[in-house]
Amino acid sequence: MSKLAIYGGDPVRTAPWPERPLFDEGEIAALRETVLSRRWTSAPYIFRGDMSLSQVYQMEERYAAFHDSRYAVAVGSGTDALQIAYAAAGLGPGDEAIMPPNTFIATATPALQLGAVPIFADVDPETLCLDPEAVEAAVTERTRLIVPLHLGGYPADMDRIMEIAKRHDLAVVADACHAHGTEWRGKKVAALSDLSAFSFQQDKQITAGEGGIVTTNDQGLYEQCYILHNDGRGLGEEGGAFVAQGWNFRMSEFQAAVLLVQLGRLEELLERKNRNAERLGRGLAEVGGLGWPREDERITLQSYVYPRLRYHEDAFEGLPAERFAAALTAEGIPCGAGGGWVLYRHPLFSEARFRFPSSKGVDYTQVHCPNAEGAAGRWIGFPQEVMLGTEADMDDFVRAVGKVKENLEELS
């Protein structure tokens, strides 16, 4: 009989991985208390001027402080967060926003909603984050915004990106939807950009099913985000007056009640994931051929929301990443061969299916980002639940990779 589980052998592990979303009686009690309070919306009139009673307000305060930021505005989704952040930063019709192509479509669509033009710049092949040199080359007189994505929680090179932005007088809005708690030089990445947008969708580090938040250290940008998310109503004495065009993007008290409990676990989750990442990395280095993205001493903490490992096909005798991932999954390590997706090939862009005319001047069929396109077959992705396991679970991961590597002849 074959030794590999994919051909009928015994798998390395059959034990289940931790389940997400994580919750306990804390979330249940918080929801019950919110129901009984009869304060279900975060609309200011419900609190009659005392917003300290709002769980959304409390969550904004705590989240901002945890992320080295002075201000935060909680909204209904990560997409909402990006849209008000782009708008607050001044992005409008005909403006260009430089962003990576290997991202969820909601990084780009808020720009389209504002009549702006997404400009896709290539990524660093060793990290899959926005390449500063590609950003520099993409800057034009119409550029208003740079949008680095901290992919999977691995931060983009914020030193170079902020230097480029300062030199060209551009705003930086980070898509930090994967980066809860991620640090750069000991500081939370949220504080490095003019604005950072996070998501609380179910796959994220902490979650209320849906939800989002914008962080900033700039009072003016905070006020703009607040006005935009609250139907265009002003602050202070203008709290009941419509002072600008906006949207109802407010977070509900139910979402905030859950997130306040979830936020209390965030530090421990980050510590656990980073300990496991270090152990897994050491073990995989001994096996060879699979490892974390390029190490950077400036990265002091990661969120590992969508973990990915660099796959070196030559170390596995040319075995395609898809075949390797299938064999590893059969051994009890859920994974897949990822990378290689690019937004400009989506029909929304390649066929110019835009509601607004500004982006029709860009022929996205002529856009090519070789590093992003070439990522296919070079990365192995797996669910973040794996990173929530034990040290023994990490050792199982390493043993499974070693087993596949030792039995490559069965997969050839």
Protein backbone atom coordinates (compact mmCIF):
# COMPACT_ATOMS: atom_id res chain seq x y z
CA MET A 1 0.00 0.00 0.00
CA SER A 2 1.08 3.56 -0.68
CA LYS A 3 2.53 5.49 2.21
CA LEU A 4 0.83 8.71 1.10
CA ALA A 5 -2.69 9.31 2.34
CA ILE A 6 -3.75 10.62 -1.08
CA TYR A 7 -3.31 7.03 -2.35
CA GLY A 8 -4.79 5.23 0.65
CA GLY A 9 -2.02 5.42 3.24
CA ASP A 10 -2.53 6.56 6.83
CA PRO A 11 -2.58 10.36 7.16
CA VAL A 12 -0.22 12.17 9.50
CA ARG A 13 -3.16 13.58 11.41
CA THR A 14 -6.93 13.18 11.62
CA ALA A 15 -7.55 15.48 14.58
CA PRO A 16 -9.70 18.55 13.82
CA TRP A 17 -8.26 22.03 13.72
CA PRO A 18 -9.68 24.83 15.90
CA GLU A 19 -12.99 26.19 14.65
CA ARG A 20 -13.76 29.81 13.89
CA PRO A 21 -15.28 32.21 14.65
CA LEU A 22 -14.06 31.89 18.22
CA PHE A 23 -16.69 32.78 20.82
CA ASP A 24 -17.84 31.94 24.32
CA GLU A 25 -20.47 33.10 26.78
CA GLY A 26 -19.03 36.61 26.56
CA GLU A 27 -20.46 37.27 23.09
CA ILE A 28 -23.80 35.69 24.02
CA ALA A 29 -24.12 37.82 27.17
CA ALA A 30 -23.14 40.97 25.28
CA LEU A 31 -25.79 40.38 22.63
CA ARG A 32 -28.43 39.70 25.25
CA GLU A 33 -27.57 42.88 27.10
CA THR A 34 -27.79 44.87 23.85
CA VAL A 35 -31.19 43.43 23.01
CA LEU A 36 -32.53 44.34 26.44
CA SER A 37 -31.09 47.86 26.25
CA ARG A 38 -33.30 48.64 23.23
CA ARG A 39 -30.38 50.65 21.85
CA TRP A 40 -29.71 48.73 18.66
CA THR A 41 -28.49 51.48 16.34
CA SER A 42 -25.43 53.68 16.87
CA ALA A 43 -27.28 56.74 15.52
CA PRO A 44 -26.39 59.60 17.89
CA TYR A 45 -30.00 60.64 18.62
CA ILE A 46 -30.58 57.32 20.42
CA PHE A 47 -28.01 58.32 23.06
CA ARG A 48 -29.25 61.90 23.48
CA GLY A 49 -25.80 63.43 23.32
CA ASP A 50 -24.01 60.94 25.59
CA MET A 51 -22.15 58.77 23.05
CA SER A 52 -20.12 57.15 25.83
CA LEU A 53 -23.16 54.90 26.29
CA SER A 54 -22.76 53.57 22.76
CA GLN A 55 -20.89 50.30 22.36
CA VAL A 56 -19.84 51.44 18.89
CA TYR A 57 -18.22 54.51 20.45
CA GLN A 58 -16.51 52.36 23.09
CA MET A 59 -15.25 49.96 20.46
CA GLU A 60 -13.90 52.83 18.33
CA GLU A 61 -11.99 54.19 21.33
CA ARG A 62 -10.47 50.82 22.25
CA TYR A 63 -9.65 49.81 18.69
CA ALA A 64 -7.95 53.11 17.93
CA ALA A 65 -5.86 52.94 21.11
CA PHE A 66 -4.79 49.35 20.41
CA HIS A 67 -3.66 50.41 16.93
CA ASP A 68 -1.63 53.45 18.02
CA SER A 69 -4.25 55.79 16.54
CA ARG A 70 -6.13 58.78 17.97
CA TYR A 71 -9.38 58.22 16.10
CA ALA A 72 -11.55 55.49 14.61
CA VAL A 73 -14.88 55.38 12.78
CA ALA A 74 -16.74 52.04 12.82
CA VAL A 75 -18.84 51.11 9.79
CA GLY A 76 -20.87 48.25 8.33
CA SER A 77 -18.11 46.54 6.32
CA GLY A 78 -14.50 46.74 5.19
CA THR A 79 -15.78 48.00 1.82
CA ASP A 80 -17.57 50.87 3.59
CA ALA A 81 -14.36 51.62 5.46
CA LEU A 82 -12.37 51.91 2.24
CA GLN A 83 -15.01 54.06 0.58
CA ILE A 84 -15.18 56.69 3.31
CA ALA A 85 -11.39 56.63 3.68
CA TYR A 86 -10.91 57.23 -0.07
CA ALA A 87 -13.51 59.99 -0.05
CA ALA A 88 -12.06 61.65 3.06
CA ALA A 89 -8.62 61.59 1.44
CA GLY A 90 -10.05 63.59 -1.46
CA LEU A 91 -10.37 60.91 -4.14
CA GLY A 92 -12.90 62.01 -6.74
CA PRO A 93 -13.91 61.86 -10.42
CA GLY A 94 -10.96 61.39 -12.75
CA ASP A 95 -8.41 60.96 -9.94
CA GLU A 96 -6.14 57.91 -9.93
CA ALA A 97 -5.54 55.53 -7.03
CA ILE A 98 -2.51 53.22 -7.25
CA MET A 99 -3.13 49.77 -5.79
CA PRO A 100 -1.99 46.14 -6.22
CA PRO A 101 -3.96 43.87 -8.59
CA ASN A 102 -3.83 40.74 -6.37
CA THR A 103 -6.54 41.82 -3.96
CA PHE A 104 -10.23 41.41 -3.27
CA ILE A 105 -12.35 43.43 -5.66
CA ALA A 106 -13.51 45.74 -2.86
CA THR A 107 -10.09 47.41 -2.79
CA ALA A 108 -10.92 48.80 -6.23
CA THR A 109 -14.70 49.19 -6.39
CA PRO A 110 -14.95 52.02 -3.80
CA ALA A 111 -12.67 54.05 -6.08
CA LEU A 112 -15.00 53.33 -9.00
CA GLN A 113 -17.99 54.38 -6.89
CA LEU A 114 -16.30 57.76 -6.43
CA GLY A 115 -15.69 58.12 -10.16
CA ALA A 116 -11.95 57.55 -9.74
CA VAL A 117 -9.60 55.29 -11.68
CA PRO A 118 -7.87 52.24 -10.13
CA ILE A 119 -4.30 52.00 -11.42
CA PHE A 120 -2.76 48.58 -10.83
CA ALA A 121 0.94 48.46 -9.97
CA ASP A 122 2.98 45.28 -9.66
CA VAL A 123 4.00 43.53 -6.46
CA ASP A 124 7.22 42.28 -4.92
CA PRO A 125 7.53 38.63 -6.05
CA GLU A 126 8.85 37.54 -2.64
CA THR A 127 6.08 39.12 -0.55
CA LEU A 128 3.20 39.77 -3.01
CA CYS A 129 2.82 43.24 -1.47
CA LEU A 130 2.85 46.45 -3.50
CA ASP A 131 6.29 47.11 -4.99
CA PRO A 132 7.42 50.68 -4.21
CA GLU A 133 9.34 50.90 -7.49
CA ALA A 134 6.19 50.00 -9.43
CA VAL A 135 4.28 52.63 -7.44
CA GLU A 136 6.84 55.29 -8.31
CA ALA A 137 6.60 54.40 -12.00
CA ALA A 138 2.79 54.62 -11.93
CA VAL A 139 2.56 58.14 -10.49
CA THR A 140 1.05 60.71 -12.87
CA GLU A 141 -0.33 64.23 -12.53
CA ARG A 142 -3.74 62.64 -11.88
CA THR A 143 -2.58 60.42 -8.99
CA ARG A 144 -4.26 61.30 -5.72
CA LEU A 145 -3.86 58.17 -3.61
CA ILE A 146 -1.61 55.17 -2.91
CA VAL A 147 -3.38 52.09 -1.54
CA PRO A 148 -0.95 49.53 -0.08
CA LEU A 149 -2.49 46.18 0.84
CA HIS A 150 -1.05 44.36 3.85
CA LEU A 151 -1.70 41.00 2.22
CA GLY A 152 -2.59 38.29 4.71
CA GLY A 153 -1.26 40.55 7.46
CA TYR A 154 2.24 40.81 5.93
CA PRO A 155 2.86 44.57 5.73
CA ALA A 156 3.86 46.41 2.59
CA ASP A 157 7.12 48.38 2.68
CA MET A 158 5.68 51.41 4.48
CA ASP A 159 9.03 53.21 4.72
CA ARG A 160 9.34 53.50 0.94
CA ILE A 161 5.65 53.99 0.25
CA MET A 162 5.32 56.87 2.70
CA GLU A 163 8.52 58.44 1.32
CA ILE A 164 7.13 58.29 -2.23
CA ALA A 165 3.80 59.70 -1.06
CA LYS A 166 5.46 62.61 0.74
CA ARG A 167 7.66 63.44 -2.24
CA HIS A 168 4.70 63.52 -4.64
CA ASP A 169 2.23 65.07 -2.14
CA LEU A 170 -0.08 62.03 -2.20
CA ALA A 171 -2.34 60.54 0.44
CA VAL A 172 -1.93 56.94 1.61
CA VAL A 173 -4.96 54.84 2.53
CA ALA A 174 -3.93 51.34 3.57
CA ASP A 175 -6.16 48.37 2.89
CA ALA A 176 -5.43 46.85 6.29
CA CYS A 177 -8.41 44.49 6.25
CA HIS A 178 -6.07 41.54 6.97
CA ALA A 179 -3.75 43.36 9.34
CA HIS A 180 -5.40 43.58 12.78
CA GLY A 181 -2.50 44.02 15.18
CA THR A 182 0.28 43.85 12.56
CA GLU A 183 3.33 45.92 13.51
CA TRP A 184 6.09 47.67 11.55
CA ARG A 185 9.14 48.74 13.56
CA GLY A 186 7.19 48.08 16.76
CA LYS A 187 4.30 50.33 15.77
CA LYS A 188 0.89 49.17 14.53
CA VAL A 189 0.67 49.55 10.74
CA ALA A 190 -2.65 51.38 11.14
CA ALA A 191 -0.74 54.41 12.42
CA LEU A 192 1.68 54.56 9.48
CA SER A 193 -0.79 55.65 6.79
CA ASP A 194 -2.95 58.74 6.61
CA LEU A 195 -5.92 56.39 6.96
CA SER A 196 -6.21 52.63 7.41
CA ALA A 197 -9.28 50.52 6.66
CA PHE A 198 -10.01 47.24 8.45
CA SER A 199 -12.65 44.53 8.02
CA PHE A 200 -14.51 42.47 10.62
CA GLN A 201 -15.98 40.04 8.09
CA GLN A 202 -16.14 36.43 9.32
CA ASP A 203 -12.79 35.35 7.87
CA LYS A 204 -10.88 38.12 9.64
CA GLN A 205 -8.87 38.06 12.88
CA ILE A 206 -11.74 39.28 15.02
CA THR A 207 -15.26 39.36 13.65
CA ALA A 208 -18.89 40.31 14.05
CA GLY A 209 -19.81 38.50 10.84
CA GLU A 210 -19.54 41.80 9.00
CA GLY A 211 -18.24 45.23 9.91
CA GLY A 212 -15.32 47.56 9.34
CA ILE A 213 -13.41 50.46 10.83
CA VAL A 214 -11.20 53.35 9.70
CA THR A 215 -8.31 54.58 11.85
CA THR A 216 -6.33 57.79 11.61
CA ASN A 217 -4.22 60.19 13.65
CA ASP A 218 -5.48 63.21 11.73
CA GLN A 219 -8.42 65.04 13.31
CA GLY A 220 -9.57 66.56 10.02
CA LEU A 221 -9.63 63.20 8.26
CA TYR A 222 -11.47 61.69 11.21
CA GLU A 223 -14.14 64.37 11.04
CA GLN A 224 -14.57 63.82 7.32
CA CYS A 225 -14.94 60.05 7.82
CA TYR A 226 -17.45 60.59 10.61
CA ILE A 227 -19.58 62.94 8.51
CA LEU A 228 -19.46 60.63 5.49
CA HIS A 229 -20.52 57.54 7.44
CA ASN A 230 -23.35 59.30 9.28
CA ASP A 231 -25.51 60.39 6.31
CA GLY A 232 -23.49 63.59 5.90
CA ARG A 233 -24.43 64.92 9.34
CA GLY A 234 -21.95 67.18 11.08
CA LEU A 235 -20.32 66.95 14.49
CA GLY A 236 -20.84 68.98 17.65
CA GLU A 237 -23.43 71.70 17.23
CA GLU A 238 -24.04 70.50 13.67
CA GLY A 239 -24.77 66.95 14.83
CA GLY A 240 -28.32 67.08 13.50
CA ALA A 241 -27.59 69.07 10.34
CA PHE A 242 -26.70 67.66 6.94
CA VAL A 243 -23.45 69.37 5.99
CA ALA A 244 -22.23 67.10 3.19
CA GLN A 245 -23.21 64.23 0.93
CA GLY A 246 -22.72 60.98 2.82
CA TRP A 247 -23.92 57.43 3.34
CA ASN A 248 -25.52 55.51 6.17
CA PHE A 249 -22.53 53.29 6.86
CA ARG A 250 -22.95 53.18 10.64
CA MET A 251 -22.08 50.02 12.55
CA SER A 252 -24.89 48.55 14.65
CA GLU A 253 -24.71 48.17 18.42
CA PHE A 254 -25.02 44.39 17.95
CA GLN A 255 -21.82 44.27 15.92
CA ALA A 256 -19.98 46.45 18.40
CA ALA A 257 -21.16 44.35 21.35
CA VAL A 258 -19.60 41.26 19.79
CA LEU A 259 -16.44 43.10 18.73
CA LEU A 260 -15.79 44.49 22.20
CA VAL A 261 -15.57 40.91 23.45
CA GLN A 262 -13.56 39.80 20.43
CA LEU A 263 -11.13 42.68 20.86
CA GLY A 264 -10.38 41.43 24.35
CA ARG A 265 -8.92 38.27 22.78
CA LEU A 266 -6.90 39.92 20.05
CA GLU A 267 -3.59 40.23 21.87
CA GLU A 268 -3.59 36.57 22.94
CA LEU A 269 -4.53 35.45 19.41
CA LEU A 270 -1.64 37.43 17.94
CA GLU A 271 0.81 35.99 20.43
CA ARG A 272 -0.36 32.45 19.73
CA LYS A 273 -0.14 32.84 15.97
CA ASN A 274 3.31 34.40 16.07
CA ARG A 275 4.65 31.69 18.39
CA ASN A 276 3.26 29.03 16.07
CA ALA A 277 4.64 30.80 13.01
CA GLU A 278 8.13 30.80 14.49
CA ARG A 279 7.94 27.10 15.38
CA LEU A 280 6.50 26.18 11.99
CA GLY A 281 9.12 28.23 10.18
CA ARG A 282 11.97 26.52 12.05
CA GLY A 283 10.60 23.08 11.30
CA LEU A 284 9.99 23.78 7.62
CA ALA A 285 13.51 25.19 7.24
CA GLU A 286 14.87 21.79 8.28
CA VAL A 287 12.72 20.02 5.67
CA GLY A 288 13.46 22.59 2.96
CA GLY A 289 11.47 23.84 -0.01
CA LEU A 290 8.65 25.58 1.86
CA GLY A 291 8.80 28.68 4.04
CA TRP A 292 7.32 32.03 5.01
CA PRO A 293 7.65 35.10 2.77
CA ARG A 294 10.92 36.99 2.92
CA GLU A 295 11.89 37.87 6.47
CA ASP A 296 12.08 41.58 7.23
CA GLU A 297 13.39 42.75 10.60
CA ARG A 298 11.12 45.79 10.38
CA ILE A 299 8.08 43.49 10.77
CA THR A 300 7.71 42.98 14.51
CA LEU A 301 4.26 41.32 14.61
CA GLN A 302 1.94 39.73 12.03
CA SER A 303 -1.72 38.76 12.01
CA TYR A 304 -1.45 35.65 9.77
CA VAL A 305 -5.07 36.03 8.62
CA TYR A 306 -4.51 34.36 5.25
CA PRO A 307 -1.23 32.51 5.86
CA ARG A 308 0.84 31.61 2.83
CA LEU A 309 4.10 29.77 2.35
CA ARG A 310 6.55 30.16 -0.55
CA TYR A 311 6.71 26.90 -2.51
CA HIS A 312 10.00 26.05 -4.24
CA GLU A 313 9.07 23.53 -6.91
CA ASP A 314 12.69 22.52 -7.57
CA ALA A 315 13.04 21.32 -3.97
CA PHE A 316 10.19 18.88 -4.66
CA GLU A 317 11.62 17.50 -7.92
CA GLY A 318 9.42 19.74 -10.05
CA LEU A 319 6.14 18.63 -8.45
CA PRO A 320 3.47 21.24 -9.31
CA ALA A 321 2.18 23.19 -6.33
CA GLU A 322 -1.36 21.95 -6.98
CA ARG A 323 -0.27 18.31 -6.66
CA PHE A 324 1.76 19.08 -3.54
CA ALA A 325 -1.20 20.86 -1.92
CA ALA A 326 -3.53 17.95 -2.69
CA ALA A 327 -1.11 15.48 -1.11
CA LEU A 328 -0.58 17.67 1.96
CA THR A 329 -4.33 18.14 2.41
CA ALA A 330 -4.79 14.37 2.37
CA GLU A 331 -2.27 14.17 5.23
CA GLY A 332 -4.56 16.35 7.35
CA ILE A 333 -3.13 19.80 6.57
CA PRO A 334 -5.83 21.79 4.71
CA CYS A 335 -4.24 23.92 2.01
CA GLY A 336 -4.30 24.97 -1.61
CA ALA A 337 -1.99 26.38 -4.26
CA GLY A 338 -2.71 30.10 -4.39
CA GLY A 339 -1.54 33.25 -6.11
CA GLY A 340 -1.74 34.49 -9.66
CA TRP A 341 -5.12 36.28 -9.47
CA VAL A 342 -5.25 39.80 -10.88
CA LEU A 343 -8.23 42.16 -10.83
CA TYR A 344 -7.59 43.68 -14.24
CA ARG A 345 -8.56 40.35 -15.82
CA HIS A 346 -11.97 40.44 -14.10
CA PRO A 347 -14.77 41.31 -16.56
CA LEU A 348 -15.56 44.43 -14.52
CA PHE A 349 -12.23 45.81 -15.74
CA SER A 350 -11.36 43.85 -18.88
CA GLU A 351 -14.80 44.60 -20.39
CA ALA A 352 -15.11 48.08 -18.82
CA ARG A 353 -18.38 47.35 -17.06
CA PHE A 354 -18.34 50.65 -15.19
CA ARG A 355 -21.29 52.71 -14.02
CA PHE A 356 -19.10 55.80 -14.08
CA PRO A 357 -17.20 56.99 -17.17
CA SER A 358 -13.82 57.99 -15.72
CA SER A 359 -12.24 54.52 -15.83
CA LYS A 360 -13.27 53.91 -19.43
CA GLY A 361 -10.16 55.75 -20.53
CA VAL A 362 -7.99 52.89 -19.24
CA ASP A 363 -7.68 49.76 -21.35
CA TYR A 364 -7.22 47.15 -18.64
CA THR A 365 -6.62 44.42 -21.24
CA GLN A 366 -3.25 46.10 -21.82
CA VAL A 367 -2.26 46.11 -18.15
CA HIS A 368 0.36 43.55 -17.17
CA CYS A 369 1.91 43.01 -13.74
CA PRO A 370 4.34 40.13 -14.31
CA ASN A 371 5.10 39.44 -10.65
CA ALA A 372 1.45 39.28 -9.67
CA GLU A 373 0.61 37.12 -12.69
CA GLY A 374 3.61 34.87 -12.05
CA ALA A 375 2.64 34.09 -8.46
CA ALA A 376 0.45 31.17 -9.54
CA GLY A 377 1.99 27.87 -8.47
CA ARG A 378 4.55 29.51 -6.20
CA TRP A 379 2.54 29.76 -2.98
CA ILE A 380 0.70 27.42 -0.63
CA GLY A 381 -2.13 29.01 1.32
CA PHE A 382 -3.99 27.56 4.28
CA PRO A 383 -6.73 28.69 6.70
CA GLN A 384 -5.82 30.76 9.73
CA GLU A 385 -7.42 28.09 11.94
CA VAL A 386 -4.19 26.13 11.49
CA MET A 387 -2.25 28.97 13.13
CA LEU A 388 -4.53 28.74 16.17
CA GLY A 389 -3.42 25.18 16.91
CA THR A 390 -0.89 23.85 19.40
CA GLU A 391 2.86 23.32 19.16
CA ALA A 392 2.10 19.65 18.44
CA ASP A 393 -0.12 20.74 15.57
CA MET A 394 2.75 22.74 14.08
CA ASP A 395 4.97 19.67 14.39
CA ASP A 396 2.30 17.64 12.55
CA PHE A 397 2.41 20.21 9.75
CA VAL A 398 6.18 19.81 9.45
CA ARG A 399 5.96 16.00 9.56
CA ALA A 400 3.34 16.00 6.82
CA VAL A 401 5.51 18.16 4.55
CA GLY A 402 8.46 15.88 5.24
CA LYS A 403 6.38 12.79 4.47
CA VAL A 404 5.26 14.18 1.12
CA LYS A 405 8.83 15.14 0.25
CA GLU A 406 10.14 11.68 1.14
CA ASN A 407 7.58 10.01 -1.12
CA LEU A 408 7.70 12.19 -4.20
CA GLU A 409 8.11 9.18 -6.47
CA GLU A 410 4.50 8.24 -5.75
CA LEU A 411 3.33 11.64 -6.99
CA SER A 412 5.48 11.89 -10.10
